[in-house]
Amino acid sequence: MAAAGSAIGLGNIWKFPYETGENGGGAFLIVYLLCVLLFGMPLLMTEFLIGRKAGKSTFSAFREISGSNRWQWLGWLSSFTVFILLGFYFVVTGWCFNYLYEAIFNSYIGMGTDELLNHFTAITSNPLRMSFCSIIPIFLTAAVLWFGVTQGIERLSKILMPLLIVMMIVMAGRVMMLDGSSIGMRFLFEVDFSKITPQIFMEAAGQCFFSLSIGLGLLITYGAYMPKDQDASMTSFQVLFLDTLVALLAGVIIFPAVFAFGFNPAEGPQLVFVVLPAVMQHMSFVWFSGVFFFSLLCIAAITSTISLMEVVVAAITEFTHGKINRHKSVLITTGLMSLLAVIYVLSMTNTWPALRFFDKDLFQIVDDLVTIFLMPVSALCMSLFVGWFMPAKDIDVVPYSKNSFKKWSRPIFVFLLRWFVPIAILLVFLNGLGII
């Protein structure tokens, strides 16, 4: 549940629906599921296996396994990527908490779609309000991490992850009763093969990165806490299943509601924060529906910030060889994240023009840097590390088994890591740079 919580987040509930809406519905879904199996599963296993083998966080795992500093740069790269992304993620999580507050006090009641769009722009342009909303999840995340993995992360995940799935099933059931919801279901699940293009494959692979948090090394840190005899392949499958289930439930909630009230499914990133508040005004129990959904969104975001911040906390502790203990690391990380989130907010609101580069604010630059460059490069290097380097040195990284399924899964896993995954990541990377 802790590992699933690290993967399940805004990528599933916020980004997956709007990517699906912009890329043909069912056509995008079928390609995404294919990418999850051939692309996501091997990389999830890779991170678990590296962490379990090393017994260290992302920062130290590659040096521990290789026995030299040759691969230490990859630990630095992954930890740096998590650090700068975490500030970005806290700002978006702040949007979720702001809309939960608005739902509680009925602030958006009576607004049309255009008014809601202007309202969203006004909110995200308010530096004081957005700074406050971004700091709230930072302190909530720090409170969980203060108690460590077993007493903090695992205990909370055992409650939040089942609650999240139950909440989504209830919400999906309510939406399915709306008149016209069947059109949304057909949009999501009917596949028009004429819409499947190379670009769809690129978009689906990119969404797979974001949704599963691949390339950040989150599950390397969680893998370090795994018992040595725990089946990493089964854990990877369970995480993959829950992550995909939540994404599908998000689609089942959003698209029937959008089509029932005549909205555009290709609304883009504003789909959750603009369209859904408008849709909820036409539903029964308006107040309850809004509070219910945005509570769900906040839960999903927090379970991801916990895992992201754990990587930074563990890295600080290991970098100082334990001289800074866990509690001090949590306090230092909390201060750094608060500062970083406020800087991102100020760059978005044009409060500090110095934070704008090439006609983009720092928030946008970090988003592009992480998703287009850092995550693909990090994931590519991890797949090459396990696929080519580790089999020669630590052949038991994927243990042999008398079980017929696992016996055949080992060579498939190694083949995917050596050839398919690197080529797929390279294509996503070149697409992100606009070369193909």
Protein backbone atom coordinates (compact mmCIF):
# COMPACT_ATOMS: atom_id res chain seq x y z
CA MET A 1 0.00 0.00 0.00
CA ALA A 2 2.88 2.38 0.74
CA ALA A 3 4.44 1.65 -2.64
CA ALA A 4 1.08 1.99 -4.41
CA GLY A 5 0.57 5.31 -2.67
CA SER A 6 3.88 6.55 -4.06
CA ALA A 7 2.79 5.72 -7.61
CA ILE A 8 -0.85 6.79 -7.34
CA GLY A 9 -1.28 10.54 -7.36
CA LEU A 10 -2.16 13.51 -9.52
CA GLY A 11 -0.87 11.68 -12.58
CA ASN A 12 -3.77 9.24 -12.26
CA ILE A 13 -6.66 11.52 -11.28
CA TRP A 14 -5.61 14.86 -12.77
CA LYS A 15 -3.42 14.14 -15.79
CA PHE A 16 -4.66 10.75 -17.08
CA PRO A 17 -8.24 11.96 -17.81
CA TYR A 18 -7.17 15.07 -19.71
CA GLU A 19 -4.51 13.18 -21.68
CA THR A 20 -7.15 10.58 -22.57
CA GLY A 21 -9.61 13.32 -23.55
CA GLU A 22 -7.08 15.06 -25.78
CA ASN A 23 -5.93 11.86 -27.49
CA GLY A 24 -9.02 10.04 -28.68
CA GLY A 25 -10.44 8.30 -25.60
CA GLY A 26 -10.39 4.52 -26.06
CA ALA A 27 -7.57 4.67 -28.62
CA PHE A 28 -5.29 6.33 -26.07
CA LEU A 29 -6.44 3.97 -23.31
CA ILE A 30 -5.54 0.77 -25.17
CA VAL A 31 -2.08 2.10 -26.08
CA TYR A 32 -1.53 3.32 -22.51
CA LEU A 33 -2.36 -0.14 -21.10
CA LEU A 34 0.10 -1.68 -23.56
CA CYS A 35 2.81 0.75 -22.44
CA VAL A 36 2.08 -0.02 -18.79
CA LEU A 37 2.68 -3.74 -19.35
CA LEU A 38 5.72 -3.59 -21.66
CA PHE A 39 7.26 -0.39 -20.36
CA GLY A 40 6.00 0.33 -16.85
CA MET A 41 6.22 -3.16 -15.34
CA PRO A 42 9.94 -3.74 -16.14
CA LEU A 43 10.91 -0.32 -14.80
CA LEU A 44 8.91 -0.78 -11.60
CA MET A 45 10.65 -4.11 -11.04
CA THR A 46 13.98 -2.45 -11.81
CA GLU A 47 13.57 0.14 -9.05
CA PHE A 48 12.38 -2.42 -6.49
CA LEU A 49 15.24 -4.77 -7.30
CA ILE A 50 17.92 -2.07 -7.13
CA GLY A 51 16.63 -0.91 -3.75
CA ARG A 52 16.29 -4.42 -2.32
CA LYS A 53 19.73 -5.46 -3.53
CA ALA A 54 21.47 -2.33 -2.24
CA GLY A 55 19.50 -1.81 0.97
CA LYS A 56 20.06 1.91 0.43
CA SER A 57 18.08 4.90 -0.81
CA THR A 58 18.31 6.19 -4.38
CA PHE A 59 21.21 8.43 -3.43
CA SER A 60 23.54 5.55 -2.42
CA ALA A 61 22.07 2.47 -4.15
CA PHE A 62 24.09 2.56 -7.38
CA ARG A 63 27.40 3.09 -5.59
CA GLU A 64 26.56 0.27 -3.18
CA ILE A 65 25.83 -2.23 -5.95
CA SER A 66 28.67 -1.26 -8.31
CA GLY A 67 31.22 -1.09 -5.51
CA SER A 68 32.65 2.14 -6.91
CA ASN A 69 31.73 5.76 -7.58
CA ARG A 70 31.31 5.08 -11.31
CA TRP A 71 27.49 5.05 -11.04
CA GLN A 72 27.16 7.47 -8.14
CA TRP A 73 26.15 10.24 -10.55
CA LEU A 74 22.91 8.36 -11.28
CA GLY A 75 21.99 8.48 -7.59
CA TRP A 76 22.71 12.20 -7.58
CA LEU A 77 20.64 12.68 -10.74
CA SER A 78 17.59 10.83 -9.39
CA SER A 79 17.74 12.60 -6.02
CA PHE A 80 18.11 16.01 -7.69
CA THR A 81 15.14 15.26 -9.99
CA VAL A 82 12.97 14.35 -7.01
CA PHE A 83 14.06 17.49 -5.14
CA ILE A 84 13.12 20.00 -7.84
CA LEU A 85 9.96 18.07 -8.79
CA LEU A 86 8.78 17.94 -5.19
CA GLY A 87 8.47 21.72 -4.98
CA PHE A 88 6.43 21.66 -8.22
CA TYR A 89 4.25 18.83 -6.88
CA PHE A 90 3.56 20.69 -3.64
CA VAL A 91 2.31 23.71 -5.61
CA VAL A 92 -0.15 21.56 -7.62
CA THR A 93 -1.17 19.83 -4.38
CA GLY A 94 -1.79 23.32 -3.01
CA TRP A 95 -4.31 23.84 -5.84
CA CYS A 96 -6.10 20.69 -4.66
CA PHE A 97 -6.26 21.91 -1.06
CA ASN A 98 -7.48 25.30 -2.24
CA TYR A 99 -10.36 23.70 -4.15
CA LEU A 100 -11.19 21.50 -1.18
CA TYR A 101 -11.52 24.71 0.85
CA GLU A 102 -13.67 26.24 -1.90
CA ALA A 103 -15.87 23.15 -2.02
CA ILE A 104 -16.40 23.25 1.75
CA PHE A 105 -17.52 26.90 1.60
CA ASN A 106 -19.38 26.67 -1.76
CA SER A 107 -17.13 29.37 -3.27
CA TYR A 108 -17.64 28.27 -6.90
CA ILE A 109 -21.41 27.74 -6.76
CA GLY A 110 -23.23 29.63 -9.54
CA MET A 111 -20.16 30.05 -11.77
CA GLY A 112 -20.22 29.00 -15.43
CA THR A 113 -17.31 27.33 -17.22
CA ASP A 114 -15.76 30.64 -18.38
CA GLU A 115 -16.11 32.12 -14.92
CA LEU A 116 -14.50 29.05 -13.39
CA LEU A 117 -11.57 29.34 -15.80
CA ASN A 118 -11.06 32.99 -14.83
CA HIS A 119 -11.46 32.00 -11.19
CA PHE A 120 -8.74 29.35 -11.53
CA THR A 121 -6.42 31.88 -13.18
CA ALA A 122 -7.09 34.44 -10.43
CA ILE A 123 -6.38 31.90 -7.69
CA THR A 124 -3.10 30.65 -9.19
CA SER A 125 -2.00 34.27 -9.66
CA ASN A 126 -2.42 35.12 -5.97
CA PRO A 127 1.06 34.68 -4.41
CA LEU A 128 -0.01 34.85 -0.75
CA ARG A 129 -2.89 32.42 -1.11
CA MET A 130 -0.96 29.92 -3.23
CA SER A 131 2.08 30.06 -0.94
CA PHE A 132 -0.10 29.26 2.07
CA CYS A 133 -1.94 26.46 0.24
CA SER A 134 1.37 24.94 -0.90
CA ILE A 135 2.91 24.96 2.57
CA ILE A 136 -0.05 23.11 4.15
CA PRO A 137 0.69 19.78 2.38
CA ILE A 138 4.41 20.23 3.12
CA PHE A 139 3.76 20.21 6.86
CA LEU A 140 1.22 17.38 6.60
CA THR A 141 3.78 15.28 4.69
CA ALA A 142 6.52 16.12 7.21
CA ALA A 143 4.26 15.02 10.07
CA VAL A 144 3.88 11.57 8.50
CA LEU A 145 7.60 11.20 7.71
CA TRP A 146 8.52 12.18 11.26
CA PHE A 147 7.29 8.77 12.42
CA GLY A 148 9.26 6.83 9.80
CA VAL A 149 8.26 4.08 7.38
CA THR A 150 6.41 1.60 9.60
CA GLN A 151 4.82 4.00 12.07
CA GLY A 152 4.26 6.79 9.55
CA ILE A 153 4.12 5.89 5.86
CA GLU A 154 2.84 2.30 6.08
CA ARG A 155 0.28 3.02 8.80
CA LEU A 156 -1.19 5.98 6.91
CA SER A 157 -1.10 4.17 3.55
CA LYS A 158 -3.08 1.23 4.97
CA ILE A 159 -5.86 3.72 5.70
CA LEU A 160 -5.63 6.18 2.82
CA MET A 161 -5.18 3.85 -0.15
CA PRO A 162 -8.25 1.63 0.50
CA LEU A 163 -10.23 4.78 1.39
CA LEU A 164 -9.19 6.40 -1.89
CA ILE A 165 -10.34 3.41 -3.96
CA VAL A 166 -13.64 3.09 -2.05
CA MET A 167 -14.31 6.82 -2.47
CA MET A 168 -13.67 6.58 -6.22
CA ILE A 169 -15.95 3.55 -6.64
CA VAL A 170 -18.77 5.36 -4.81
CA MET A 171 -18.23 8.49 -6.93
CA ALA A 172 -18.16 6.45 -10.16
CA GLY A 173 -21.42 4.74 -9.19
CA ARG A 174 -23.09 8.12 -8.63
CA VAL A 175 -21.87 9.53 -11.94
CA MET A 176 -23.05 6.44 -13.84
CA MET A 177 -26.64 7.28 -12.89
CA LEU A 178 -26.56 10.60 -14.80
CA ASP A 179 -28.50 10.84 -18.05
CA GLY A 180 -26.13 10.64 -21.01
CA SER A 181 -23.30 9.06 -19.02
CA SER A 182 -23.22 6.11 -21.45
CA ILE A 183 -21.73 8.41 -24.12
CA GLY A 184 -18.79 9.09 -21.85
CA MET A 185 -18.32 5.37 -21.21
CA ARG A 186 -18.26 4.69 -24.96
CA PHE A 187 -15.74 7.50 -25.45
CA LEU A 188 -13.48 5.95 -22.81
CA PHE A 189 -13.74 2.28 -23.77
CA GLU A 190 -14.60 2.10 -27.49
CA VAL A 191 -11.41 1.91 -29.54
CA ASP A 192 -11.22 3.70 -32.88
CA PHE A 193 -8.08 2.12 -34.36
CA SER A 194 -7.86 4.86 -37.00
CA LYS A 195 -6.91 7.28 -34.18
CA ILE A 196 -3.89 5.22 -33.10
CA THR A 197 -0.84 7.06 -34.42
CA PRO A 198 2.86 7.22 -33.47
CA GLN A 199 2.09 10.42 -31.58
CA ILE A 200 -0.49 8.56 -29.47
CA PHE A 201 2.19 6.02 -28.55
CA MET A 202 4.53 8.85 -27.50
CA GLU A 203 1.85 10.56 -25.40
CA ALA A 204 0.87 7.25 -23.77
CA ALA A 205 4.49 6.41 -22.91
CA GLY A 206 4.97 9.89 -21.44
CA GLN A 207 1.82 9.48 -19.35
CA CYS A 208 3.16 6.12 -18.17
CA PHE A 209 6.24 7.95 -16.83
CA PHE A 210 4.19 10.53 -14.98
CA SER A 211 1.51 8.18 -13.66
CA LEU A 212 3.89 5.51 -12.33
CA SER A 213 6.56 8.04 -11.23
CA ILE A 214 9.15 6.11 -13.26
CA GLY A 215 12.71 7.41 -13.28
CA LEU A 216 12.52 9.18 -9.93
CA GLY A 217 13.88 6.29 -7.89
CA LEU A 218 10.96 6.43 -5.45
CA LEU A 219 10.62 2.67 -5.35
CA ILE A 220 14.38 2.22 -4.97
CA THR A 221 14.03 3.83 -1.55
CA TYR A 222 10.96 1.70 -0.75
CA GLY A 223 12.73 -1.39 -2.10
CA ALA A 224 15.52 -0.79 0.42
CA TYR A 225 13.00 -1.41 3.21
CA MET A 226 11.72 -4.67 1.63
CA PRO A 227 12.63 -8.03 3.19
CA LYS A 228 15.23 -9.78 1.05
CA ASP A 229 12.90 -12.72 0.44
CA GLN A 230 9.93 -10.59 -0.65
CA ASP A 231 8.79 -11.23 -4.23
CA ALA A 232 9.60 -7.98 -6.03
CA SER A 233 7.82 -9.09 -9.20
CA MET A 234 4.54 -9.71 -7.35
CA THR A 235 4.86 -6.40 -5.47
CA SER A 236 5.47 -4.63 -8.79
CA PHE A 237 2.38 -6.23 -10.30
CA GLN A 238 0.23 -5.24 -7.31
CA VAL A 239 1.42 -1.62 -7.50
CA LEU A 240 0.86 -1.58 -11.26
CA PHE A 241 -2.64 -3.02 -10.88
CA LEU A 242 -3.72 -0.52 -8.22
CA ASP A 243 -2.19 2.41 -10.11
CA THR A 244 -4.01 1.47 -13.34
CA LEU A 245 -7.25 0.79 -11.45
CA VAL A 246 -7.25 4.31 -9.98
CA ALA A 247 -6.55 5.85 -13.41
CA LEU A 248 -9.46 3.91 -14.95
CA LEU A 249 -11.77 4.87 -12.08
CA ALA A 250 -10.80 8.52 -12.62
CA GLY A 251 -11.82 8.17 -16.28
CA VAL A 252 -15.10 6.49 -15.31
CA ILE A 253 -15.85 9.36 -12.92
CA ILE A 254 -14.94 12.21 -15.24
CA PHE A 255 -16.00 11.32 -18.81
CA PRO A 256 -19.61 10.23 -18.12
CA ALA A 257 -20.10 13.44 -16.11
CA VAL A 258 -18.50 15.61 -18.80
CA PHE A 259 -20.63 14.14 -21.60
CA ALA A 260 -23.79 14.14 -19.50
CA PHE A 261 -23.59 17.94 -19.26
CA GLY A 262 -22.19 18.66 -22.72
CA PHE A 263 -18.65 19.72 -21.87
CA ASN A 264 -15.55 19.20 -24.01
CA PRO A 265 -13.52 16.12 -22.96
CA ALA A 266 -10.37 17.73 -24.44
CA GLU A 267 -10.50 20.61 -21.98
CA GLY A 268 -6.86 20.03 -21.05
CA PRO A 269 -5.15 20.53 -17.67
CA GLN A 270 -8.14 22.52 -16.40
CA LEU A 271 -10.43 19.47 -16.71
CA VAL A 272 -10.50 18.80 -12.96
CA PHE A 273 -10.35 22.36 -11.66
CA VAL A 274 -12.71 24.01 -14.17
CA VAL A 275 -15.04 21.44 -15.71
CA LEU A 276 -15.77 19.26 -12.69
CA PRO A 277 -16.82 22.10 -10.35
CA ALA A 278 -19.24 23.14 -13.10
CA VAL A 279 -20.51 19.58 -13.48
CA MET A 280 -20.95 19.15 -9.74
CA GLN A 281 -23.31 22.11 -9.60
CA HIS A 282 -25.78 20.05 -11.63
CA MET A 283 -25.50 16.97 -9.43
CA SER A 284 -27.55 16.03 -6.41
CA PHE A 285 -25.90 16.83 -3.08
CA VAL A 286 -23.74 19.59 -4.60
CA TRP A 287 -21.79 20.35 -1.45
CA PHE A 288 -21.13 16.70 -0.62
CA SER A 289 -20.04 15.85 -4.20
CA GLY A 290 -17.50 18.67 -4.30
CA VAL A 291 -16.03 17.97 -0.87
CA PHE A 292 -15.99 14.23 -1.65
CA PHE A 293 -14.08 14.55 -4.92
CA PHE A 294 -11.53 17.15 -3.84
CA SER A 295 -10.89 15.22 -0.61
CA LEU A 296 -10.12 12.27 -2.87
CA LEU A 297 -7.74 14.39 -4.95
CA CYS A 298 -5.92 15.67 -1.85
CA ILE A 299 -5.50 12.12 -0.52
CA ALA A 300 -3.99 10.96 -3.82
CA ALA A 301 -1.61 13.93 -3.88
CA ILE A 302 -0.44 13.48 -0.27
CA THR A 303 0.33 9.78 -0.69
CA SER A 304 2.69 10.77 -3.53
CA THR A 305 4.34 13.70 -1.74
CA ILE A 306 5.10 11.34 1.15
CA SER A 307 7.15 9.04 -1.09
CA LEU A 308 8.84 11.93 -2.93
CA MET A 309 9.87 13.64 0.30
CA GLU A 310 11.05 10.33 1.80
CA VAL A 311 13.65 10.11 -0.98
CA VAL A 312 15.05 13.53 -0.02
CA VAL A 313 14.99 12.75 3.73
CA ALA A 314 16.81 9.44 3.22
CA ALA A 315 19.36 11.08 0.90
CA ILE A 316 20.27 13.73 3.50
CA THR A 317 20.71 11.09 6.20
CA GLU A 318 22.93 8.90 4.00
CA PHE A 319 24.92 11.82 2.58
CA THR A 320 25.91 12.83 6.12
CA HIS A 321 26.56 9.17 7.10
CA GLY A 322 23.93 9.39 9.82
CA LYS A 323 25.31 12.54 11.45
CA ILE A 324 21.96 14.16 10.64
CA ASN A 325 19.32 11.77 11.97
CA ARG A 326 15.88 11.21 10.46
CA HIS A 327 14.06 13.86 12.52
CA LYS A 328 16.62 16.54 11.66
CA SER A 329 16.48 15.49 7.99
CA VAL A 330 12.69 15.91 8.02
CA LEU A 331 13.02 19.41 9.49
CA ILE A 332 15.69 20.43 6.96
CA THR A 333 13.68 19.05 4.05
CA THR A 334 10.53 20.81 5.28
CA GLY A 335 12.34 24.15 5.31
CA LEU A 336 13.90 23.63 1.88
CA MET A 337 10.59 22.53 0.34
CA SER A 338 8.73 25.49 1.82
CA LEU A 339 11.30 27.86 0.32
CA LEU A 340 11.28 26.10 -3.06
CA ALA A 341 7.46 25.99 -3.30
CA VAL A 342 7.20 29.71 -2.51
CA ILE A 343 9.82 30.48 -5.20
CA TYR A 344 7.78 28.48 -7.76
CA VAL A 345 4.60 30.31 -6.74
CA LEU A 346 6.30 33.71 -7.03
CA SER A 347 7.58 32.81 -10.50
CA MET A 348 4.03 31.92 -11.62
CA THR A 349 2.50 35.14 -10.34
CA ASN A 350 5.16 37.38 -11.95
CA THR A 351 5.97 38.77 -8.51
CA TRP A 352 9.66 38.33 -9.29
CA PRO A 353 10.38 38.92 -13.01
CA ALA A 354 13.91 37.60 -12.40
CA LEU A 355 12.37 34.11 -12.06
CA ARG A 356 11.27 34.11 -15.71
CA PHE A 357 13.54 32.72 -18.41
CA PHE A 358 12.88 32.46 -22.16
CA ASP A 359 9.31 33.77 -21.69
CA LYS A 360 8.56 30.94 -19.24
CA ASP A 361 8.23 31.05 -15.47
CA LEU A 362 10.36 28.79 -13.28
CA PHE A 363 7.35 26.55 -12.57
CA GLN A 364 6.91 25.77 -16.29
CA ILE A 365 10.65 25.34 -16.82
CA VAL A 366 10.91 22.77 -14.02
CA ASP A 367 7.89 20.90 -15.39
CA ASP A 368 9.48 20.67 -18.85
CA LEU A 369 12.96 19.88 -17.49
CA VAL A 370 11.73 16.98 -15.34
CA THR A 371 9.21 15.37 -17.72
CA ILE A 372 11.07 15.91 -21.01
CA PHE A 373 14.68 15.41 -19.92
CA LEU A 374 15.46 14.26 -16.37
CA MET A 375 12.90 11.44 -15.91
CA PRO A 376 13.55 9.78 -19.31
CA VAL A 377 17.34 10.02 -18.91
CA SER A 378 17.22 8.63 -15.37
CA ALA A 379 14.89 5.76 -16.36
CA LEU A 380 17.03 4.97 -19.42
CA CYS A 381 20.19 4.73 -17.30
CA MET A 382 18.46 2.57 -14.69
CA SER A 383 17.29 0.11 -17.35
CA LEU A 384 20.80 -0.07 -18.86
CA PHE A 385 22.33 -0.47 -15.40
CA VAL A 386 20.19 -3.51 -14.55
CA GLY A 387 19.89 -4.90 -18.09
CA TRP A 388 23.60 -4.79 -18.98
CA PHE A 389 25.71 -4.09 -15.91
CA MET A 390 24.03 -6.02 -13.09
CA PRO A 391 23.54 -9.40 -14.83
CA ALA A 392 27.34 -9.65 -15.20
CA LYS A 393 28.04 -8.80 -11.57
CA ASP A 394 24.93 -9.84 -9.66
CA ILE A 395 23.17 -12.46 -11.75
CA ASP A 396 20.75 -13.22 -8.93
CA VAL A 397 19.20 -9.76 -9.11
CA VAL A 398 16.24 -11.51 -10.77
CA PRO A 399 16.24 -14.83 -8.87
CA TYR A 400 15.74 -18.05 -10.78
CA SER A 401 12.66 -20.03 -9.79
CA LYS A 402 11.29 -23.53 -10.34
CA ASN A 403 7.90 -21.91 -10.83
CA SER A 404 7.26 -22.21 -14.58
CA PHE A 405 5.84 -18.68 -14.91
CA LYS A 406 8.73 -17.05 -13.08
CA LYS A 407 11.22 -19.24 -14.92
CA TRP A 408 10.07 -17.76 -18.24
CA SER A 409 9.51 -14.25 -16.87
CA ARG A 410 13.22 -13.77 -16.09
CA PRO A 411 14.54 -13.82 -19.70
CA ILE A 412 11.55 -11.72 -20.82
CA PHE A 413 12.33 -9.15 -18.12
CA VAL A 414 16.02 -8.99 -19.10
CA PHE A 415 15.16 -8.71 -22.81
CA LEU A 416 12.72 -5.86 -22.19
CA LEU A 417 15.27 -4.00 -20.04
CA ARG A 418 18.12 -4.46 -22.51
CA TRP A 419 16.31 -3.64 -25.73
CA PHE A 420 12.64 -2.64 -25.69
CA VAL A 421 12.63 -0.25 -22.73
CA PRO A 422 15.77 1.74 -23.74
CA ILE A 423 14.47 2.14 -27.31
CA ALA A 424 11.01 3.18 -26.06
CA ILE A 425 12.50 5.71 -23.63
CA LEU A 426 14.78 7.10 -26.33
CA LEU A 427 11.79 7.64 -28.62
CA VAL A 428 9.88 9.43 -25.83
CA PHE A 429 12.95 11.57 -25.12
CA LEU A 430 13.43 12.55 -28.77
CA ASN A 431 9.71 13.28 -29.09
CA GLY A 432 9.85 15.52 -26.01
CA LEU A 433 12.72 17.46 -27.55
CA GLY A 434 10.73 17.85 -30.79
CA ILE A 435 13.27 15.91 -32.87
CA ILE A 436 10.68 13.29 -33.92
